[in-house]
C-alpha atoms as a PDB file:
ATOM      1  CA  MET A   1     -12.862 -13.515   8.342  1.00  0.00           C
ATOM      2  CA  ILE A   2     -13.093 -13.918   4.696  1.00  0.00           C
ATOM      3  CA  LYS A   3      -9.735 -13.733   2.996  1.00  0.00           C
ATOM      4  CA  ASN A   4     -10.525 -12.308  -0.465  1.00  0.00           C
ATOM      5  CA  LYS A   5     -12.980  -9.711   1.240  1.00  0.00           C
ATOM      6  CA  THR A   6     -10.031  -8.759   3.877  1.00  0.00           C
ATOM      7  CA  GLY A   7      -7.809  -7.473   1.406  1.00  0.00           C
ATOM      8  CA  ILE A   8     -10.280  -5.548  -0.442  1.00  0.00           C
ATOM      9  CA  TRP A   9     -11.550  -4.104   2.392  1.00  0.00           C
ATOM     10  CA  GLY A  10      -7.942  -3.101   3.340  1.00  0.00           C
ATOM     11  CA  GLU A  11      -7.111  -1.236   0.296  1.00  0.00           C
ATOM     12  CA  ILE A  12     -10.459   0.742   0.209  1.00  0.00           C
ATOM     13  CA  TYR A  13      -9.889   1.945   3.857  1.00  0.00           C
ATOM     14  CA  ALA A  14      -6.193   2.781   2.773  1.00  0.00           C
ATOM     15  CA  ALA A  15      -7.440   4.734   0.083  1.00  0.00           C
ATOM     16  CA  ARG A  16      -9.876   6.580   2.015  1.00  0.00           C
ATOM     17  CA  TYR A  17      -7.031   7.419   4.655  1.00  0.00           C
ATOM     18  CA  LEU A  18      -4.882   8.601   1.865  1.00  0.00           C
ATOM     19  CA  ARG A  19      -7.565  10.962   0.423  1.00  0.00           C
ATOM     20  CA  ASP A  20      -8.546  12.032   4.158  1.00  0.00           C
ATOM     21  CA  LYS A  21      -5.002  13.317   4.473  1.00  0.00           C
ATOM     22  CA  GLY A  22      -5.115  15.018   1.076  1.00  0.00           C
ATOM     23  CA  PHE A  23      -3.377  12.645  -1.050  1.00  0.00           C
ATOM     24  CA  ASP A  24      -4.602  12.001  -4.492  1.00  0.00           C
ATOM     25  CA  ILE A  25      -4.728   8.577  -5.629  1.00  0.00           C
ATOM     26  CA  LEU A  26      -3.322   7.991  -9.321  1.00  0.00           C
ATOM     27  CA  ALA A  27      -3.583   4.357  -9.662  1.00  0.00           C
ATOM     28  CA  SER A  28      -4.643   1.551  -7.651  1.00  0.00           C
ATOM     29  CA  ASN A  29      -4.169  -2.637  -8.298  1.00  0.00           C
ATOM     30  CA  PHE A  30      -1.308  -1.487 -11.020  1.00  0.00           C
ATOM     31  CA  TYR A  31      -0.135  -4.884 -12.090  1.00  0.00           C
ATOM     32  CA  THR A  32       3.013  -5.540 -14.717  1.00  0.00           C
ATOM     33  CA  GLN A  33       4.891  -8.852 -14.910  1.00  0.00           C
ATOM     34  CA  TYR A  34       6.667  -8.356 -11.714  1.00  0.00           C
ATOM     35  CA  GLY A  35       3.537  -8.005  -9.224  1.00  0.00           C
ATOM     36  CA  GLU A  36       1.291  -5.599  -8.458  1.00  0.00           C
ATOM     37  CA  ILE A  37       1.341  -1.959  -6.312  1.00  0.00           C
ATOM     38  CA  ASP A  38      -1.838  -1.850  -4.429  1.00  0.00           C
ATOM     39  CA  ILE A  39      -2.007   2.422  -4.234  1.00  0.00           C
ATOM     40  CA  VAL A  40      -0.025   4.719  -5.942  1.00  0.00           C
ATOM     41  CA  ALA A  41      -0.668   8.294  -4.872  1.00  0.00           C
ATOM     42  CA  SER A  42       0.966  11.797  -4.441  1.00  0.00           C
ATOM     43  CA  ASP A  43       0.799  14.730  -2.262  1.00  0.00           C
ATOM     44  CA  GLY A  44       2.103  17.008  -4.806  1.00  0.00           C
ATOM     45  CA  LYS A  45       5.793  16.868  -4.080  1.00  0.00           C
ATOM     46  CA  LEU A  46       5.979  12.849  -3.650  1.00  0.00           C
ATOM     47  CA  ILE A  47       4.670   9.918  -5.231  1.00  0.00           C
ATOM     48  CA  MET A  48       3.969   6.800  -3.168  1.00  0.00           C
ATOM     49  CA  PHE A  49       4.000   3.272  -3.986  1.00  0.00           C
ATOM     50  CA  VAL A  50       1.781   2.015  -0.952  1.00  0.00           C
ATOM     51  CA  GLU A  51       1.543  -1.719  -0.300  1.00  0.00           C
ATOM     52  CA  VAL A  52      -1.628  -2.466   1.793  1.00  0.00           C
ATOM     53  CA  LYS A  53      -1.081  -5.525   4.380  1.00  0.00           C
ATOM     54  CA  THR A  54      -4.328  -6.239   6.450  1.00  0.00           C
ATOM     55  CA  ARG A  55      -4.698  -8.447   9.235  1.00  0.00           C
ATOM     56  CA  ASN A  56      -7.345  -8.973  11.632  1.00  0.00           C
ATOM     57  CA  VAL A  57      -6.919  -7.043  14.737  1.00  0.00           C
ATOM     58  CA  ALA A  58      -6.127 -10.073  16.737  1.00  0.00           C
ATOM     59  CA  ALA A  59      -3.050 -11.036  14.677  1.00  0.00           C
ATOM     60  CA  TYR A  60       0.076 -11.725  16.638  1.00  0.00           C
ATOM     61  CA  ILE A  61       2.173 -10.513  13.661  1.00  0.00           C
ATOM     62  CA  ARG A  62       2.449  -7.071  12.825  1.00  0.00           C
ATOM     63  CA  ALA A  63       1.447  -7.123   8.981  1.00  0.00           C
ATOM     64  CA  ALA A  64       4.517  -5.117   7.650  1.00  0.00           C
ATOM     65  CA  GLU A  65       6.534  -8.280   8.745  1.00  0.00           C
ATOM     66  CA  ALA A  66       5.074  -9.679   5.270  1.00  0.00           C
ATOM     67  CA  VAL A  67       6.954  -7.266   3.550  1.00  0.00           C
ATOM     68  CA  ASP A  68      10.062  -9.344   2.688  1.00  0.00           C
ATOM     69  CA  GLY A  69      13.270  -8.400   0.685  1.00  0.00           C
ATOM     70  CA  GLY A  70      11.623 -10.726  -2.583  1.00  0.00           C
ATOM     71  CA  LYS A  71       8.268  -8.695  -1.617  1.00  0.00           C
ATOM     72  CA  LYS A  72      10.696  -5.450  -1.920  1.00  0.00           C
ATOM     73  CA  GLN A  73      12.522  -6.122  -5.013  1.00  0.00           C
ATOM     74  CA  ARG A  74       9.176  -6.787  -6.771  1.00  0.00           C
ATOM     75  CA  LEU A  75       7.717  -3.681  -5.957  1.00  0.00           C
ATOM     76  CA  ILE A  76      10.623  -1.910  -6.524  1.00  0.00           C
ATOM     77  CA  LYS A  77      10.479  -3.227 -10.209  1.00  0.00           C
ATOM     78  CA  THR A  78       6.717  -2.776 -10.727  1.00  0.00           C
ATOM     79  CA  ALA A  79       7.360   0.798  -9.757  1.00  0.00           C
ATOM     80  CA  ASN A  80      10.345   1.388 -11.892  1.00  0.00           C
ATOM     81  CA  THR A  81       7.463  -0.110 -14.880  1.00  0.00           C
ATOM     82  CA  PHE A  82       5.159   2.601 -13.369  1.00  0.00           C
ATOM     83  CA  LEU A  83       7.227   5.192 -13.795  1.00  0.00           C
ATOM     84  CA  LYS A  84       8.709   4.702 -17.202  1.00  0.00           C
ATOM     85  CA  ARG A  85       4.879   4.341 -18.394  1.00  0.00           C
ATOM     86  CA  VAL A  86       3.565   7.697 -16.204  1.00  0.00           C
ATOM     87  CA  HIS A  87       6.353  10.511 -16.629  1.00  0.00           C
ATOM     88  CA  THR A  88       6.848  12.691 -13.297  1.00  0.00           C
ATOM     89  CA  ASP A  89       9.370  14.408 -11.589  1.00  0.00           C
ATOM     90  CA  LEU A  90       7.882  13.358  -8.359  1.00  0.00           C
ATOM     91  CA  GLN A  91      10.395  11.979  -5.594  1.00  0.00           C
ATOM     92  CA  PRO A  92       9.336   8.242  -5.249  1.00  0.00           C
ATOM     93  CA  ARG A  93       8.706   6.582  -2.092  1.00  0.00           C
ATOM     94  CA  PHE A  94       7.527   3.449  -0.304  1.00  0.00           C
ATOM     95  CA  ASP A  95       4.965   2.673   2.188  1.00  0.00           C
ATOM     96  CA  VAL A  96       3.144   0.144   3.636  1.00  0.00           C
ATOM     97  CA  ALA A  97      -0.310   0.599   5.192  1.00  0.00           C
ATOM     98  CA  GLU A  98      -1.073  -1.892   8.082  1.00  0.00           C
ATOM     99  CA  VAL A  99      -4.685  -1.994   8.012  1.00  0.00           C
ATOM    100  CA  TYR A 100      -6.143  -3.938  10.836  1.00  0.00           C
ATOM    101  CA  LEU A 101      -9.845  -5.065  10.858  1.00  0.00           C
ATOM    102  CA  ASN A 102     -12.378  -6.577  13.613  1.00  0.00           C
ATOM    103  CA  ASP A 103     -14.326 -10.039  12.573  1.00  0.00           C
ATOM    104  CA  ASP A 104     -16.971  -7.990  11.029  1.00  0.00           C
ATOM    105  CA  LEU A 105     -14.529  -6.668   8.362  1.00  0.00           C
ATOM    106  CA  SER A 106     -14.799  -2.879  10.258  1.00  0.00           C
ATOM    107  CA  LEU A 107     -11.930  -1.039  10.526  1.00  0.00           C
ATOM    108  CA  SER A 108      -9.940  -1.374  13.902  1.00  0.00           C
ATOM    109  CA  SER A 109      -6.989   0.838  12.867  1.00  0.00           C
ATOM    110  CA  ILE A 110      -4.593   1.917  10.679  1.00  0.00           C
ATOM    111  CA  ASN A 111      -0.903   2.322  10.736  1.00  0.00           C
ATOM    112  CA  TYR A 112       0.645   4.158   8.205  1.00  0.00           C
ATOM    113  CA  ILE A 113       4.586   3.693   7.458  1.00  0.00           C
ATOM    114  CA  GLU A 114       6.295   6.040   5.535  1.00  0.00           C
ATOM    115  CA  ASN A 115       9.397   5.346   3.967  1.00  0.00           C
ATOM    116  CA  ALA A 116       9.334   1.871   4.661  1.00  0.00           C
ATOM    117  CA  PHE A 117      11.472   0.471   2.802  1.00  0.00           C
ATOM    118  CA  GLY A 118      14.549   2.875   4.514  1.00  0.00           C
ATOM    119  CA  GLY A 119      16.679   4.728   2.737  1.00  0.00           C
END
């Protein structure tokens, strides 16, 4: 698989998954000095900051394992910046979408982890 296309397709599949579940996509690829949030979505009660991790279906390590402590801190800072710009009363939550692709970049599966940072 081609690495840069893998991430793009992962985000496309994750956004489609969220829309199919009835969520509104508020933003994608939101950048700040701290980093990027792949998808910001809402169900009307929550605002979800979604980190998309895409891997080949044959990967030995779960995609979510790439979201380490440093990545979590950058995502939290980036989300805080988003919330300062877009005032909302919605409760924030951090989710991780593990997207697994076949060699031809077709979707194999999505494992969507709600409240991935715990708490």
